[in-house]
Amino acid sequence: MKFTKMQGCGNDYVYVNGFEEKISPKQKPEIVKRLSDRHFGIGGDGVIFINPAEEADFEMEMYNADGSRSEMCGNGIRCVAKYVYDKGLTDEGRITIVSAGKIKYLELTVEGKTKDTRGAVTKVRVNMGSPILVPEEIPVQAAGEQAVDEPILVCGQEYRMTCVSMGNPHAVVFMKDVAHLEIEKVGPYFENHERFPRRTNTEFVEVLDRQHVFMRVWERGTGETLACGTGCCATAVACVLNGLTDDEITVKVLGGELQIKWDREQNVVFMTGPAEIVFEGEVEL
C-alpha cells in the first residue's frame, strides 16, 4: 500500500489515497494501529484515508492511533487539502471536505504557481463551522445550558473546565505554567472521566495576553500530540466565553502556531495554518 506521511504543526498522520487503495473496513482498525506505531510501523498520531464523496469534493476518513474512529481533525483536514491539490486530484483553490457527515469549507494558499507548474499548497484556511456548547451534544455531563468554568474533580484535585465540541469533544482547562504540567499523568484521567460518555480531548491552556495563548493537548485515543486543530478552535472559543482574550488569537502549540478566529456574528470558527509532506513510501499489509 502506498502512503504519504504529512504533518500540520507537528500533528502527524499517515495519509492513504482511498481512490486507489481499497481496504476492507473491518481491517482498518488493526492496520491503523500497526501503521501508527512509532517503533514498529510508519509512526503517526493516526491514519487518514482520502476518499471519494458524493456530498463534498472529498471525504476524510480519520482514525486515531489506537484504531478508533474520530470525527474531525483540524490539522489533518489541512493536510488533506494539500494532498488533493498537490497530487492533482483538484485544481480548485476552494474545496469542500466531509468528515463524519460534516462538511468543511477550505481556502488554499498556493505558492510557486506558474504557467508551467501548478505550485504547492503552503497554508490552508478552514471554516470549521459553529462551536457546539450544549452539554448533551458535546457530550459532557453538566447541569447548565453550557459547561463554562465548570468544576471537575480529577485524581482528587478540582479543575475548572470549559467544554466545547468542534465536531469532536474538548475540555479546555486554564492554568499557569502549562509547560511543566505532567500531562501524561493527568491526561488519561480527563480522557476517560465518567462525565465524558465518548471520552474527551483535553486542552491545558495558559493565557499569555489578549491575543496569544499557549496550549498543550491530550488527544483522545492518542495521548499528547504536538498540536490539535480542533483543540485550538475549542480553546479560542473557551477563551472568549471566559472573557480572557479577543475573538482572534494565535494559539502556540508544541509544534508551531495556528491562527484562530471566532466570528461571533456568523458564529463560525476559522482556523489558518500550515500543511507539509514529510515523506512518501510503500508498506506491506
C-alpha atoms as a PDB file:
ATOM      1  CA  MET A   1       0.000   0.000   0.000  1.00  0.00           C
ATOM      2  CA  LYS A   2       1.322   3.436  -0.937  1.00  0.00           C
ATOM      3  CA  PHE A   3       1.179   6.153   1.711  1.00  0.00           C
ATOM      4  CA  THR A   4       2.160   9.751   2.376  1.00  0.00           C
ATOM      5  CA  LYS A   5       3.321  10.962   5.799  1.00  0.00           C
ATOM      6  CA  MET A   6       2.161  14.547   6.448  1.00  0.00           C
ATOM      7  CA  GLN A   7       2.114  16.962   9.354  1.00  0.00           C
ATOM      8  CA  GLY A   8       0.483  20.215  10.391  1.00  0.00           C
ATOM      9  CA  CYS A   9       2.245  21.914  13.313  1.00  0.00           C
ATOM     10  CA  GLY A  10       3.719  18.543  14.228  1.00  0.00           C
ATOM     11  CA  ASN A  11       0.340  16.778  14.328  1.00  0.00           C
ATOM     12  CA  ASP A  12       1.365  13.919  12.003  1.00  0.00           C
ATOM     13  CA  TYR A  13      -0.727  11.309  10.249  1.00  0.00           C
ATOM     14  CA  VAL A  14      -0.297   8.621   7.642  1.00  0.00           C
ATOM     15  CA  TYR A  15      -2.395   9.505   4.578  1.00  0.00           C
ATOM     16  CA  VAL A  16      -3.779   6.904   2.207  1.00  0.00           C
ATOM     17  CA  ASN A  17      -5.345   7.597  -1.193  1.00  0.00           C
ATOM     18  CA  GLY A  18      -8.703   5.834  -0.975  1.00  0.00           C
ATOM     19  CA  PHE A  19      -9.279   6.409  -4.690  1.00  0.00           C
ATOM     20  CA  GLU A  20      -6.527   3.871  -5.399  1.00  0.00           C
ATOM     21  CA  GLU A  21      -6.073   1.776  -2.253  1.00  0.00           C
ATOM     22  CA  LYS A  22      -9.022  -0.462  -1.364  1.00  0.00           C
ATOM     23  CA  ILE A  23      -9.026  -1.810   2.191  1.00  0.00           C
ATOM     24  CA  SER A  24     -11.844  -3.635   3.978  1.00  0.00           C
ATOM     25  CA  PRO A  25     -13.441  -1.520   6.747  1.00  0.00           C
ATOM     26  CA  LYS A  26     -13.040  -4.470   9.140  1.00  0.00           C
ATOM     27  CA  GLN A  27      -9.271  -4.495   8.561  1.00  0.00           C
ATOM     28  CA  LYS A  28      -8.724  -0.782   9.057  1.00  0.00           C
ATOM     29  CA  PRO A  29      -8.562  -0.537  12.878  1.00  0.00           C
ATOM     30  CA  GLU A  30      -5.774  -3.120  13.142  1.00  0.00           C
ATOM     31  CA  ILE A  31      -3.940  -1.680  10.145  1.00  0.00           C
ATOM     32  CA  VAL A  32      -4.186   1.794  11.662  1.00  0.00           C
ATOM     33  CA  LYS A  33      -2.697   0.635  14.962  1.00  0.00           C
ATOM     34  CA  ARG A  34       0.206  -1.046  13.175  1.00  0.00           C
ATOM     35  CA  LEU A  35       0.948   1.869  10.847  1.00  0.00           C
ATOM     36  CA  SER A  36       0.708   4.436  13.653  1.00  0.00           C
ATOM     37  CA  ASP A  37       3.228   2.664  15.873  1.00  0.00           C
ATOM     38  CA  ARG A  38       6.367   4.808  16.035  1.00  0.00           C
ATOM     39  CA  HIS A  39       8.668   1.825  16.649  1.00  0.00           C
ATOM     40  CA  PHE A  40       7.252  -0.981  14.503  1.00  0.00           C
ATOM     41  CA  GLY A  41       5.231   0.992  11.941  1.00  0.00           C
ATOM     42  CA  ILE A  42       5.451   4.227   9.979  1.00  0.00           C
ATOM     43  CA  GLY A  43       4.605   6.319  13.027  1.00  0.00           C
ATOM     44  CA  GLY A  44       1.925   8.942  13.472  1.00  0.00           C
ATOM     45  CA  ASP A  45      -0.974  10.258  15.517  1.00  0.00           C
ATOM     46  CA  GLY A  46      -3.268   8.127  13.378  1.00  0.00           C
ATOM     47  CA  VAL A  47      -4.236   7.327   9.798  1.00  0.00           C
ATOM     48  CA  ILE A  48      -6.419   9.342   7.424  1.00  0.00           C
ATOM     49  CA  PHE A  49      -7.972   7.857   4.292  1.00  0.00           C
ATOM     50  CA  ILE A  50      -8.792  10.317   1.485  1.00  0.00           C
ATOM     51  CA  ASN A  51     -11.889   9.013  -0.277  1.00  0.00           C
ATOM     52  CA  PRO A  52     -14.376   9.979  -2.995  1.00  0.00           C
ATOM     53  CA  ALA A  53     -17.518  11.696  -1.703  1.00  0.00           C
ATOM     54  CA  GLU A  54     -20.967  12.467  -3.068  1.00  0.00           C
ATOM     55  CA  GLU A  55     -21.868  15.380  -0.792  1.00  0.00           C
ATOM     56  CA  ALA A  56     -18.448  17.116  -0.985  1.00  0.00           C
ATOM     57  CA  ASP A  57     -15.328  17.187  -3.147  1.00  0.00           C
ATOM     58  CA  PHE A  58     -13.562  14.653  -0.902  1.00  0.00           C
ATOM     59  CA  GLU A  59     -14.073  12.593   2.248  1.00  0.00           C
ATOM     60  CA  MET A  60     -11.652  12.472   5.180  1.00  0.00           C
ATOM     61  CA  GLU A  61     -11.946   9.126   6.989  1.00  0.00           C
ATOM     62  CA  MET A  62      -9.946   9.596  10.178  1.00  0.00           C
ATOM     63  CA  TYR A  63      -8.639   7.101  12.733  1.00  0.00           C
ATOM     64  CA  ASN A  64      -6.787   7.702  15.999  1.00  0.00           C
ATOM     65  CA  ALA A  65      -3.560   5.822  16.709  1.00  0.00           C
ATOM     66  CA  ASP A  66      -5.444   3.242  18.798  1.00  0.00           C
ATOM     67  CA  GLY A  67      -7.618   2.313  15.815  1.00  0.00           C
ATOM     68  CA  SER A  68     -10.729   4.167  16.978  1.00  0.00           C
ATOM     69  CA  ARG A  69     -12.614   6.452  14.607  1.00  0.00           C
ATOM     70  CA  SER A  70     -12.595  10.196  15.152  1.00  0.00           C
ATOM     71  CA  GLU A  71     -14.971  12.790  13.781  1.00  0.00           C
ATOM     72  CA  MET A  72     -12.640  15.642  12.894  1.00  0.00           C
ATOM     73  CA  CYS A  73      -9.010  16.757  12.892  1.00  0.00           C
ATOM     74  CA  GLY A  74      -8.212  20.382  12.087  1.00  0.00           C
ATOM     75  CA  ASN A  75      -4.550  19.765  11.275  1.00  0.00           C
ATOM     76  CA  GLY A  76      -5.468  16.627   9.377  1.00  0.00           C
ATOM     77  CA  ILE A  77      -8.030  18.316   7.150  1.00  0.00           C
ATOM     78  CA  ARG A  78      -5.497  20.963   6.112  1.00  0.00           C
ATOM     79  CA  CYS A  79      -3.123  18.178   5.073  1.00  0.00           C
ATOM     80  CA  VAL A  80      -5.904  16.518   3.084  1.00  0.00           C
ATOM     81  CA  ALA A  81      -6.375  19.802   1.218  1.00  0.00           C
ATOM     82  CA  LYS A  82      -2.667  19.973   0.401  1.00  0.00           C
ATOM     83  CA  TYR A  83      -2.626  16.336  -0.695  1.00  0.00           C
ATOM     84  CA  VAL A  84      -5.534  16.582  -3.129  1.00  0.00           C
ATOM     85  CA  TYR A  85      -4.191  19.772  -4.712  1.00  0.00           C
ATOM     86  CA  ASP A  86      -0.505  18.868  -4.865  1.00  0.00           C
ATOM     87  CA  LYS A  87      -1.333  15.396  -6.229  1.00  0.00           C
ATOM     88  CA  GLY A  88      -3.561  16.825  -8.958  1.00  0.00           C
ATOM     89  CA  LEU A  89      -6.868  15.482  -7.652  1.00  0.00           C
ATOM     90  CA  THR A  90      -8.241  19.036  -7.891  1.00  0.00           C
ATOM     91  CA  ASP A  91      -7.269  22.334  -9.492  1.00  0.00           C
ATOM     92  CA  GLU A  92      -9.566  24.398  -7.294  1.00  0.00           C
ATOM     93  CA  GLY A  93      -8.375  26.877  -4.675  1.00  0.00           C
ATOM     94  CA  ARG A  94     -11.548  26.391  -2.681  1.00  0.00           C
ATOM     95  CA  ILE A  95     -12.767  22.901  -1.865  1.00  0.00           C
ATOM     96  CA  THR A  96     -15.133  21.034   0.437  1.00  0.00           C
ATOM     97  CA  ILE A  97     -14.236  18.021   2.570  1.00  0.00           C
ATOM     98  CA  VAL A  98     -16.694  15.880   4.519  1.00  0.00           C
ATOM     99  CA  SER A  99     -15.732  14.042   7.702  1.00  0.00           C
ATOM    100  CA  ALA A 100     -18.194  12.003   9.778  1.00  0.00           C
ATOM    101  CA  GLY A 101     -21.061  13.575   7.848  1.00  0.00           C
ATOM    102  CA  LYS A 102     -19.989  17.199   8.454  1.00  0.00           C
ATOM    103  CA  ILE A 103     -18.825  19.334   5.525  1.00  0.00           C
ATOM    104  CA  LYS A 104     -15.966  21.828   5.936  1.00  0.00           C
ATOM    105  CA  TYR A 105     -15.051  24.641   3.544  1.00  0.00           C
ATOM    106  CA  LEU A 106     -11.364  25.278   2.823  1.00  0.00           C
ATOM    107  CA  GLU A 107      -9.354  28.027   1.094  1.00  0.00           C
ATOM    108  CA  LEU A 108      -5.918  27.039  -0.207  1.00  0.00           C
ATOM    109  CA  THR A 109      -2.841  29.281  -0.389  1.00  0.00           C
ATOM    110  CA  VAL A 110      -0.708  28.090  -3.318  1.00  0.00           C
ATOM    111  CA  GLU A 111       2.888  29.224  -3.864  1.00  0.00           C
ATOM    112  CA  GLY A 112       5.240  28.683  -6.790  1.00  0.00           C
ATOM    113  CA  LYS A 113       2.438  28.530  -9.345  1.00  0.00           C
ATOM    114  CA  THR A 114       3.385  29.476 -12.933  1.00  0.00           C
ATOM    115  CA  LYS A 115       2.068  28.658 -16.374  1.00  0.00           C
ATOM    116  CA  ASP A 116       4.344  25.599 -16.353  1.00  0.00           C
ATOM    117  CA  THR A 117       3.863  24.385 -12.782  1.00  0.00           C
ATOM    118  CA  ARG A 118       0.845  24.044 -10.513  1.00  0.00           C
ATOM    119  CA  GLY A 119       2.737  25.105  -7.393  1.00  0.00           C
ATOM    120  CA  ALA A 120       2.109  23.691  -3.950  1.00  0.00           C
ATOM    121  CA  VAL A 121      -0.193  24.423  -1.040  1.00  0.00           C
ATOM    122  CA  THR A 122       1.631  26.026   1.904  1.00  0.00           C
ATOM    123  CA  LYS A 123      -1.263  27.221   4.046  1.00  0.00           C
ATOM    124  CA  VAL A 124      -4.963  26.424   4.421  1.00  0.00           C
ATOM    125  CA  ARG A 125      -7.823  28.396   5.957  1.00  0.00           C
ATOM    126  CA  VAL A 126     -10.680  26.219   7.176  1.00  0.00           C
ATOM    127  CA  ASN A 127     -14.226  27.218   8.044  1.00  0.00           C
ATOM    128  CA  MET A 128     -14.617  24.870  10.998  1.00  0.00           C
ATOM    129  CA  GLY A 129     -18.304  25.660  11.480  1.00  0.00           C
ATOM    130  CA  SER A 130     -20.125  26.630  14.639  1.00  0.00           C
ATOM    131  CA  PRO A 131     -18.921  25.550  18.067  1.00  0.00           C
ATOM    132  CA  ILE A 132     -21.284  23.255  19.942  1.00  0.00           C
ATOM    133  CA  LEU A 133     -21.835  24.364  23.534  1.00  0.00           C
ATOM    134  CA  VAL A 134     -24.885  22.338  24.618  1.00  0.00           C
ATOM    135  CA  PRO A 135     -23.543  19.757  27.098  1.00  0.00           C
ATOM    136  CA  GLU A 136     -25.510  16.753  25.860  1.00  0.00           C
ATOM    137  CA  GLU A 137     -24.387  17.450  22.288  1.00  0.00           C
ATOM    138  CA  ILE A 138     -20.658  17.694  23.158  1.00  0.00           C
ATOM    139  CA  PRO A 139     -21.218  15.314  25.073  1.00  0.00           C
ATOM    140  CA  VAL A 140     -20.431  16.056  28.719  1.00  0.00           C
ATOM    141  CA  GLN A 141     -22.420  15.615  31.904  1.00  0.00           C
ATOM    142  CA  ALA A 142     -23.186  19.124  33.164  1.00  0.00           C
ATOM    143  CA  ALA A 143     -26.226  20.696  34.781  1.00  0.00           C
ATOM    144  CA  GLY A 144     -26.389  24.068  32.997  1.00  0.00           C
ATOM    145  CA  GLU A 145     -27.074  25.156  29.434  1.00  0.00           C
ATOM    146  CA  GLN A 146     -23.314  25.443  28.878  1.00  0.00           C
ATOM    147  CA  ALA A 147     -20.305  23.947  30.648  1.00  0.00           C
ATOM    148  CA  VAL A 148     -18.286  27.148  31.132  1.00  0.00           C
ATOM    149  CA  ASP A 149     -15.783  27.376  34.008  1.00  0.00           C
ATOM    150  CA  GLU A 150     -17.314  24.136  35.275  1.00  0.00           C
ATOM    151  CA  PRO A 151     -15.674  22.377  38.251  1.00  0.00           C
ATOM    152  CA  ILE A 152     -14.455  18.830  37.717  1.00  0.00           C
ATOM    153  CA  LEU A 153     -12.708  16.539  40.210  1.00  0.00           C
ATOM    154  CA  VAL A 154      -9.781  14.602  38.726  1.00  0.00           C
ATOM    155  CA  CYS A 155      -7.456  12.487  40.884  1.00  0.00           C
ATOM    156  CA  GLY A 156      -8.686  14.257  43.993  1.00  0.00           C
ATOM    157  CA  GLN A 157      -7.957  17.746  42.616  1.00  0.00           C
ATOM    158  CA  GLU A 158     -10.551  20.254  41.435  1.00  0.00           C
ATOM    159  CA  TYR A 159     -10.027  21.797  37.995  1.00  0.00           C
ATOM    160  CA  ARG A 160     -12.190  24.296  36.078  1.00  0.00           C
ATOM    161  CA  MET A 161     -13.114  23.270  32.557  1.00  0.00           C
ATOM    162  CA  THR A 162     -14.976  24.812  29.635  1.00  0.00           C
ATOM    163  CA  CYS A 163     -16.404  22.210  27.247  1.00  0.00           C
ATOM    164  CA  VAL A 164     -16.768  22.744  23.501  1.00  0.00           C
ATOM    165  CA  SER A 165     -17.349  20.451  20.555  1.00  0.00           C
ATOM    166  CA  MET A 166     -15.890  21.280  17.151  1.00  0.00           C
ATOM    167  CA  GLY A 167     -17.289  18.042  15.765  1.00  0.00           C
ATOM    168  CA  ASN A 168     -15.378  16.190  18.498  1.00  0.00           C
ATOM    169  CA  PRO A 169     -15.430  16.774  22.276  1.00  0.00           C
ATOM    170  CA  HIS A 170     -12.988  19.073  24.084  1.00  0.00           C
ATOM    171  CA  ALA A 171     -12.470  20.084  27.692  1.00  0.00           C
ATOM    172  CA  VAL A 172     -10.409  23.287  27.986  1.00  0.00           C
ATOM    173  CA  VAL A 173      -8.630  23.818  31.304  1.00  0.00           C
ATOM    174  CA  PHE A 174      -6.933  27.145  32.074  1.00  0.00           C
ATOM    175  CA  MET A 175      -3.864  27.101  34.314  1.00  0.00           C
ATOM    176  CA  LYS A 176      -0.405  28.585  34.825  1.00  0.00           C
ATOM    177  CA  ASP A 177       2.949  27.002  33.994  1.00  0.00           C
ATOM    178  CA  VAL A 178       1.480  24.637  31.400  1.00  0.00           C
ATOM    179  CA  ALA A 179       4.976  23.871  30.102  1.00  0.00           C
ATOM    180  CA  HIS A 180       5.801  21.930  33.266  1.00  0.00           C
ATOM    181  CA  LEU A 181       2.478  20.094  33.558  1.00  0.00           C
ATOM    182  CA  GLU A 182       2.895  16.311  33.913  1.00  0.00           C
ATOM    183  CA  ILE A 183       0.308  15.809  31.206  1.00  0.00           C
ATOM    184  CA  GLU A 184       0.950  12.065  30.846  1.00  0.00           C
ATOM    185  CA  LYS A 185      -0.247  11.596  34.422  1.00  0.00           C
ATOM    186  CA  VAL A 186      -3.415  13.707  34.389  1.00  0.00           C
ATOM    187  CA  GLY A 187      -4.376  13.459  30.684  1.00  0.00           C
ATOM    188  CA  PRO A 188      -5.678   9.860  30.729  1.00  0.00           C
ATOM    189  CA  TYR A 189      -7.899  10.604  33.749  1.00  0.00           C
ATOM    190  CA  PHE A 190      -9.542  13.515  31.936  1.00  0.00           C
ATOM    191  CA  GLU A 191      -9.919  11.478  28.740  1.00  0.00           C
ATOM    192  CA  ASN A 192     -11.689   8.603  30.492  1.00  0.00           C
ATOM    193  CA  HIS A 193     -13.569  10.589  33.147  1.00  0.00           C
ATOM    194  CA  GLU A 194     -17.103   9.373  33.756  1.00  0.00           C
ATOM    195  CA  ARG A 195     -18.518  12.782  32.820  1.00  0.00           C
ATOM    196  CA  PHE A 196     -17.484  12.254  29.177  1.00  0.00           C
ATOM    197  CA  PRO A 197     -19.635   9.487  27.635  1.00  0.00           C
ATOM    198  CA  ARG A 198     -17.444   9.338  24.496  1.00  0.00           C
ATOM    199  CA  ARG A 199     -14.187  10.285  26.208  1.00  0.00           C
ATOM    200  CA  THR A 200     -12.698  13.713  25.533  1.00  0.00           C
ATOM    201  CA  ASN A 201      -9.725  15.642  24.218  1.00  0.00           C
ATOM    202  CA  THR A 202      -8.262  17.902  26.904  1.00  0.00           C
ATOM    203  CA  GLU A 203      -6.512  21.231  26.320  1.00  0.00           C
ATOM    204  CA  PHE A 204      -4.381  22.699  29.107  1.00  0.00           C
ATOM    205  CA  VAL A 205      -4.079  26.403  28.333  1.00  0.00           C
ATOM    206  CA  GLU A 206      -2.019  29.303  29.640  1.00  0.00           C
ATOM    207  CA  VAL A 207      -3.203  32.775  28.586  1.00  0.00           C
ATOM    208  CA  LEU A 208      -0.203  34.940  27.642  1.00  0.00           C
ATOM    209  CA  ASP A 209      -2.112  38.106  26.651  1.00  0.00           C
ATOM    210  CA  ARG A 210      -5.309  39.111  24.852  1.00  0.00           C
ATOM    211  CA  GLN A 211      -4.019  37.794  21.508  1.00  0.00           C
ATOM    212  CA  HIS A 212      -1.795  34.838  22.464  1.00  0.00           C
ATOM    213  CA  VAL A 213      -2.166  31.604  24.415  1.00  0.00           C
ATOM    214  CA  PHE A 214      -0.002  28.521  24.915  1.00  0.00           C
ATOM    215  CA  MET A 215      -1.706  25.129  24.725  1.00  0.00           C
ATOM    216  CA  ARG A 216      -0.771  21.514  25.364  1.00  0.00           C
ATOM    217  CA  VAL A 217      -3.222  18.807  24.399  1.00  0.00           C
ATOM    218  CA  TRP A 218      -4.020  15.259  25.439  1.00  0.00           C
ATOM    219  CA  GLU A 219      -5.860  13.710  22.498  1.00  0.00           C
ATOM    220  CA  ARG A 220      -8.457  11.022  22.913  1.00  0.00           C
ATOM    221  CA  GLY A 221      -7.102   7.693  21.690  1.00  0.00           C
ATOM    222  CA  THR A 222      -3.596   9.015  21.022  1.00  0.00           C
ATOM    223  CA  GLY A 223      -2.075  10.823  24.017  1.00  0.00           C
ATOM    224  CA  GLU A 224      -0.145  14.077  23.956  1.00  0.00           C
ATOM    225  CA  THR A 225       0.371  15.437  20.443  1.00  0.00           C
ATOM    226  CA  LEU A 226       2.327  18.434  19.190  1.00  0.00           C
ATOM    227  CA  ALA A 227      -0.853  20.159  18.007  1.00  0.00           C
ATOM    228  CA  CYS A 228      -4.616  19.743  17.682  1.00  0.00           C
ATOM    229  CA  GLY A 229      -6.504  21.939  15.234  1.00  0.00           C
ATOM    230  CA  THR A 230      -9.961  21.378  16.665  1.00  0.00           C
ATOM    231  CA  GLY A 231      -8.433  21.786  20.126  1.00  0.00           C
ATOM    232  CA  CYS A 232      -7.055  25.186  19.142  1.00  0.00           C
ATOM    233  CA  CYS A 233     -10.520  26.163  17.891  1.00  0.00           C
ATOM    234  CA  ALA A 234     -12.144  24.969  21.105  1.00  0.00           C
ATOM    235  CA  THR A 235      -9.515  26.861  23.089  1.00  0.00           C
ATOM    236  CA  ALA A 236     -10.254  30.120  21.273  1.00  0.00           C
ATOM    237  CA  VAL A 237     -13.974  29.728  21.928  1.00  0.00           C
ATOM    238  CA  ALA A 238     -13.352  28.894  25.596  1.00  0.00           C
ATOM    239  CA  CYS A 239     -11.084  31.937  25.952  1.00  0.00           C
ATOM    240  CA  VAL A 240     -13.808  34.254  24.660  1.00  0.00           C
ATOM    241  CA  LEU A 241     -16.527  32.617  26.767  1.00  0.00           C
ATOM    242  CA  ASN A 242     -14.398  33.230  29.855  1.00  0.00           C
ATOM    243  CA  GLY A 243     -13.528  36.799  28.834  1.00  0.00           C
ATOM    244  CA  LEU A 244      -9.808  36.027  28.651  1.00  0.00           C
ATOM    245  CA  THR A 245      -8.885  37.009  25.064  1.00  0.00           C
ATOM    246  CA  ASP A 246     -10.050  38.780  21.938  1.00  0.00           C
ATOM    247  CA  ASP A 247     -12.063  36.948  19.262  1.00  0.00           C
ATOM    248  CA  GLU A 248      -8.963  36.351  17.109  1.00  0.00           C
ATOM    249  CA  ILE A 249      -5.868  34.802  18.675  1.00  0.00           C
ATOM    250  CA  THR A 250      -2.649  32.943  17.972  1.00  0.00           C
ATOM    251  CA  VAL A 251      -2.535  29.564  19.668  1.00  0.00           C
ATOM    252  CA  LYS A 252       1.020  28.426  20.339  1.00  0.00           C
ATOM    253  CA  VAL A 253       1.420  24.647  20.500  1.00  0.00           C
ATOM    254  CA  LEU A 254       4.471  22.410  20.822  1.00  0.00           C
ATOM    255  CA  GLY A 255       4.635  22.031  17.035  1.00  0.00           C
ATOM    256  CA  GLY A 256       4.059  25.622  15.935  1.00  0.00           C
ATOM    257  CA  GLU A 257       1.268  28.191  15.788  1.00  0.00           C
ATOM    258  CA  LEU A 258      -2.294  28.374  14.479  1.00  0.00           C
ATOM    259  CA  GLN A 259      -4.383  31.471  13.892  1.00  0.00           C
ATOM    260  CA  ILE A 260      -7.945  31.075  15.157  1.00  0.00           C
ATOM    261  CA  LYS A 261     -10.863  33.492  14.814  1.00  0.00           C
ATOM    262  CA  TRP A 262     -14.342  33.084  16.261  1.00  0.00           C
ATOM    263  CA  ASP A 263     -16.626  35.229  14.125  1.00  0.00           C
ATOM    264  CA  ARG A 264     -19.389  35.602  16.666  1.00  0.00           C
ATOM    265  CA  GLU A 265     -21.690  37.437  14.276  1.00  0.00           C
ATOM    266  CA  GLN A 266     -21.733  34.404  11.960  1.00  0.00           C
ATOM    267  CA  ASN A 267     -20.999  32.033  14.880  1.00  0.00           C
ATOM    268  CA  VAL A 268     -18.260  30.386  12.810  1.00  0.00           C
ATOM    269  CA  VAL A 269     -14.685  29.495  13.758  1.00  0.00           C
ATOM    270  CA  PHE A 270     -11.898  29.958  11.202  1.00  0.00           C
ATOM    271  CA  MET A 271      -8.566  28.143  11.510  1.00  0.00           C
ATOM    272  CA  THR A 272      -5.475  29.026   9.450  1.00  0.00           C
ATOM    273  CA  GLY A 273      -2.235  27.080   9.464  1.00  0.00           C
ATOM    274  CA  PRO A 274       0.421  25.132   7.534  1.00  0.00           C
ATOM    275  CA  ALA A 275       0.455  21.669   5.981  1.00  0.00           C
ATOM    276  CA  GLU A 276       3.555  19.764   4.895  1.00  0.00           C
ATOM    277  CA  ILE A 277       4.539  16.467   3.309  1.00  0.00           C
ATOM    278  CA  VAL A 278       7.208  14.655   5.355  1.00  0.00           C
ATOM    279  CA  PHE A 279       7.920  11.614   3.179  1.00  0.00           C
ATOM    280  CA  GLU A 280       6.236   9.006   0.978  1.00  0.00           C
ATOM    281  CA  GLY A 281       6.627   5.280   0.629  1.00  0.00           C
ATOM    282  CA  GLU A 282       5.051   1.859   0.300  1.00  0.00           C
ATOM    283  CA  VAL A 283       4.300  -0.647   3.044  1.00  0.00           C
ATOM    284  CA  GLU A 284       3.294  -4.313   3.018  1.00  0.00           C
ATOM    285  CA  LEU A 285      -0.017  -5.012   4.766  1.00  0.00           C
END
